[in-house]
Amino acid sequence: MRDRSGWKRILSAATDNWPSRIYLTACAALLIWTAFDALFANDEGPSFAGVWPIFATLPTSLPVVLLAGAIGFVLPTAVTLPLFILLLAVAALVNATGLGLLLRWLRRRTSQA
């Protein structure tokens, strides 16, 4: 059986510091707002609520947008929205992990100097 402690250490970088936690909280709020707007808003025209989570999760959201666009041609809209939100949540987790790993590296570097 494989040792998963390395993965746990890497993924814990997304939650063991305040900047990553604040980033994940902001992304979660944006995703909830986007889902609420898509499900319950009775607007006549299109809404730009989905643009804000895309901007917040750049640069990892670029492949997500391309993948969701390709999937949108194949799957119905009822499946595309939850999949889009899930993929953006994964993109936010990847960004938060990268931010946490960067903060660990900076702390280690400044403690050695």
C-alpha atoms as a PDB file:
ATOM      1  CA  MET A   1       0.000   0.000   0.000  1.00  0.00           C
ATOM      2  CA  ARG A   2       1.227   3.464  -0.855  1.00  0.00           C
ATOM      3  CA  ASP A   3       2.247   5.984   1.776  1.00  0.00           C
ATOM      4  CA  ARG A   4      -0.028   9.019   1.476  1.00  0.00           C
ATOM      5  CA  SER A   5       1.651  11.183   4.102  1.00  0.00           C
ATOM      6  CA  GLY A   6       3.387  13.218   1.379  1.00  0.00           C
ATOM      7  CA  TRP A   7       0.028  14.076  -0.216  1.00  0.00           C
ATOM      8  CA  LYS A   8      -1.438  14.980   3.159  1.00  0.00           C
ATOM      9  CA  ARG A   9       1.494  17.298   3.827  1.00  0.00           C
ATOM     10  CA  ILE A  10       1.098  19.000   0.463  1.00  0.00           C
ATOM     11  CA  LEU A  11      -2.688  19.370   0.738  1.00  0.00           C
ATOM     12  CA  SER A  12      -2.451  20.585   4.328  1.00  0.00           C
ATOM     13  CA  ALA A  13      -0.643  23.617   2.912  1.00  0.00           C
ATOM     14  CA  ALA A  14      -4.057  24.797   1.709  1.00  0.00           C
ATOM     15  CA  THR A  15      -5.418  25.069   5.245  1.00  0.00           C
ATOM     16  CA  ASP A  16      -2.556  25.545   7.710  1.00  0.00           C
ATOM     17  CA  ASN A  17      -2.061  29.292   7.131  1.00  0.00           C
ATOM     18  CA  TRP A  18      -4.315  32.330   7.209  1.00  0.00           C
ATOM     19  CA  PRO A  19      -3.793  33.628   3.653  1.00  0.00           C
ATOM     20  CA  SER A  20      -4.830  30.276   2.166  1.00  0.00           C
ATOM     21  CA  ARG A  21      -7.840  30.033   4.474  1.00  0.00           C
ATOM     22  CA  ILE A  22      -8.991  33.547   3.588  1.00  0.00           C
ATOM     23  CA  TYR A  23      -8.525  32.792  -0.112  1.00  0.00           C
ATOM     24  CA  LEU A  24     -10.537  29.551   0.139  1.00  0.00           C
ATOM     25  CA  THR A  25     -13.285  31.337   2.095  1.00  0.00           C
ATOM     26  CA  ALA A  26     -13.530  34.086  -0.528  1.00  0.00           C
ATOM     27  CA  CYS A  27     -13.639  31.532  -3.353  1.00  0.00           C
ATOM     28  CA  ALA A  28     -16.293  29.506  -1.536  1.00  0.00           C
ATOM     29  CA  ALA A  29     -18.412  32.633  -1.063  1.00  0.00           C
ATOM     30  CA  LEU A  30     -18.081  33.481  -4.762  1.00  0.00           C
ATOM     31  CA  LEU A  31     -19.008  29.935  -5.800  1.00  0.00           C
ATOM     32  CA  ILE A  32     -22.045  29.900  -3.515  1.00  0.00           C
ATOM     33  CA  TRP A  33     -23.134  33.273  -4.892  1.00  0.00           C
ATOM     34  CA  THR A  34     -22.710  32.000  -8.457  1.00  0.00           C
ATOM     35  CA  ALA A  35     -24.705  28.834  -7.764  1.00  0.00           C
ATOM     36  CA  PHE A  36     -27.445  30.819  -6.028  1.00  0.00           C
ATOM     37  CA  ASP A  37     -27.612  33.280  -8.904  1.00  0.00           C
ATOM     38  CA  ALA A  38     -27.759  30.516 -11.501  1.00  0.00           C
ATOM     39  CA  LEU A  39     -30.462  28.578  -9.670  1.00  0.00           C
ATOM     40  CA  PHE A  40     -32.716  31.225  -8.169  1.00  0.00           C
ATOM     41  CA  ALA A  41     -32.273  34.507 -10.048  1.00  0.00           C
ATOM     42  CA  ASN A  42     -35.118  35.225 -12.424  1.00  0.00           C
ATOM     43  CA  ASP A  43     -33.242  37.547 -14.732  1.00  0.00           C
ATOM     44  CA  GLU A  44     -34.309  38.005 -18.292  1.00  0.00           C
ATOM     45  CA  GLY A  45     -30.747  38.206 -19.602  1.00  0.00           C
ATOM     46  CA  PRO A  46     -27.495  36.442 -18.834  1.00  0.00           C
ATOM     47  CA  SER A  47     -25.721  37.031 -15.551  1.00  0.00           C
ATOM     48  CA  PHE A  48     -22.036  37.682 -15.105  1.00  0.00           C
ATOM     49  CA  ALA A  49     -21.924  36.133 -11.625  1.00  0.00           C
ATOM     50  CA  GLY A  50     -19.874  33.205 -12.920  1.00  0.00           C
ATOM     51  CA  VAL A  51     -17.098  35.497 -14.099  1.00  0.00           C
ATOM     52  CA  TRP A  52     -15.943  36.455 -10.600  1.00  0.00           C
ATOM     53  CA  PRO A  53     -14.996  32.936  -9.437  1.00  0.00           C
ATOM     54  CA  ILE A  54     -13.134  32.455 -12.715  1.00  0.00           C
ATOM     55  CA  PHE A  55     -11.114  35.613 -12.069  1.00  0.00           C
ATOM     56  CA  ALA A  56     -10.522  34.628  -8.447  1.00  0.00           C
ATOM     57  CA  THR A  57      -9.133  31.224  -9.394  1.00  0.00           C
ATOM     58  CA  LEU A  58      -6.852  32.325 -12.220  1.00  0.00           C
ATOM     59  CA  PRO A  59      -4.492  30.885 -13.561  1.00  0.00           C
ATOM     60  CA  THR A  60      -5.770  27.375 -12.824  1.00  0.00           C
ATOM     61  CA  SER A  61      -9.275  28.252 -13.962  1.00  0.00           C
ATOM     62  CA  LEU A  62      -8.197  28.651 -17.594  1.00  0.00           C
ATOM     63  CA  PRO A  63      -8.165  24.881 -18.268  1.00  0.00           C
ATOM     64  CA  VAL A  64     -11.402  24.584 -16.261  1.00  0.00           C
ATOM     65  CA  VAL A  65     -13.155  27.094 -18.501  1.00  0.00           C
ATOM     66  CA  LEU A  66     -11.927  25.326 -21.619  1.00  0.00           C
ATOM     67  CA  LEU A  67     -12.959  21.922 -20.252  1.00  0.00           C
ATOM     68  CA  ALA A  68     -16.385  23.167 -19.161  1.00  0.00           C
ATOM     69  CA  GLY A  69     -16.924  24.730 -22.576  1.00  0.00           C
ATOM     70  CA  ALA A  70     -16.099  21.452 -24.292  1.00  0.00           C
ATOM     71  CA  ILE A  71     -18.288  19.475 -21.910  1.00  0.00           C
ATOM     72  CA  GLY A  72     -21.147  21.956 -22.410  1.00  0.00           C
ATOM     73  CA  PHE A  73     -21.546  20.776 -25.978  1.00  0.00           C
ATOM     74  CA  VAL A  74     -22.007  17.164 -24.852  1.00  0.00           C
ATOM     75  CA  LEU A  75     -23.874  17.311 -21.543  1.00  0.00           C
ATOM     76  CA  PRO A  76     -27.134  19.088 -20.688  1.00  0.00           C
ATOM     77  CA  THR A  77     -27.085  22.373 -18.767  1.00  0.00           C
ATOM     78  CA  ALA A  78     -28.373  20.700 -15.583  1.00  0.00           C
ATOM     79  CA  VAL A  79     -25.114  18.746 -15.368  1.00  0.00           C
ATOM     80  CA  THR A  80     -22.796  21.471 -16.636  1.00  0.00           C
ATOM     81  CA  LEU A  81     -23.405  23.972 -13.810  1.00  0.00           C
ATOM     82  CA  PRO A  82     -22.562  21.608 -10.908  1.00  0.00           C
ATOM     83  CA  LEU A  83     -19.571  20.295 -12.819  1.00  0.00           C
ATOM     84  CA  PHE A  84     -18.373  23.844 -13.506  1.00  0.00           C
ATOM     85  CA  ILE A  85     -18.699  24.771  -9.806  1.00  0.00           C
ATOM     86  CA  LEU A  86     -16.879  21.593  -8.765  1.00  0.00           C
ATOM     87  CA  LEU A  87     -14.027  22.219 -11.201  1.00  0.00           C
ATOM     88  CA  LEU A  88     -13.670  25.809  -9.999  1.00  0.00           C
ATOM     89  CA  ALA A  89     -13.570  24.572  -6.397  1.00  0.00           C
ATOM     90  CA  VAL A  90     -10.735  22.215  -7.335  1.00  0.00           C
ATOM     91  CA  ALA A  91      -8.950  25.121  -9.052  1.00  0.00           C
ATOM     92  CA  ALA A  92      -9.306  27.189  -5.865  1.00  0.00           C
ATOM     93  CA  LEU A  93      -7.891  24.305  -3.816  1.00  0.00           C
ATOM     94  CA  VAL A  94      -4.910  24.018  -6.174  1.00  0.00           C
ATOM     95  CA  ASN A  95      -4.259  27.771  -5.895  1.00  0.00           C
ATOM     96  CA  ALA A  96      -4.559  27.696  -2.098  1.00  0.00           C
ATOM     97  CA  THR A  97      -2.149  24.769  -1.933  1.00  0.00           C
ATOM     98  CA  GLY A  98       0.336  26.641  -4.111  1.00  0.00           C
ATOM     99  CA  LEU A  99      -0.014  29.713  -1.904  1.00  0.00           C
ATOM    100  CA  GLY A 100       0.545  27.624   1.229  1.00  0.00           C
ATOM    101  CA  LEU A 101       3.614  25.917  -0.240  1.00  0.00           C
ATOM    102  CA  LEU A 102       5.013  29.305  -1.243  1.00  0.00           C
ATOM    103  CA  LEU A 103       4.500  30.634   2.287  1.00  0.00           C
ATOM    104  CA  ARG A 104       6.216  27.556   3.752  1.00  0.00           C
ATOM    105  CA  TRP A 105       9.166  28.053   1.427  1.00  0.00           C
ATOM    106  CA  LEU A 106       9.430  31.752   2.341  1.00  0.00           C
ATOM    107  CA  ARG A 107       9.281  30.995   6.077  1.00  0.00           C
ATOM    108  CA  ARG A 108      11.922  28.308   5.785  1.00  0.00           C
ATOM    109  CA  ARG A 109      14.122  30.598   3.698  1.00  0.00           C
ATOM    110  CA  THR A 110      13.873  33.544   6.110  1.00  0.00           C
ATOM    111  CA  SER A 111      14.493  31.319   9.156  1.00  0.00           C
ATOM    112  CA  GLN A 112      17.722  30.013   7.610  1.00  0.00           C
ATOM    113  CA  ALA A 113      19.067  33.482   6.814  1.00  0.00           C
END
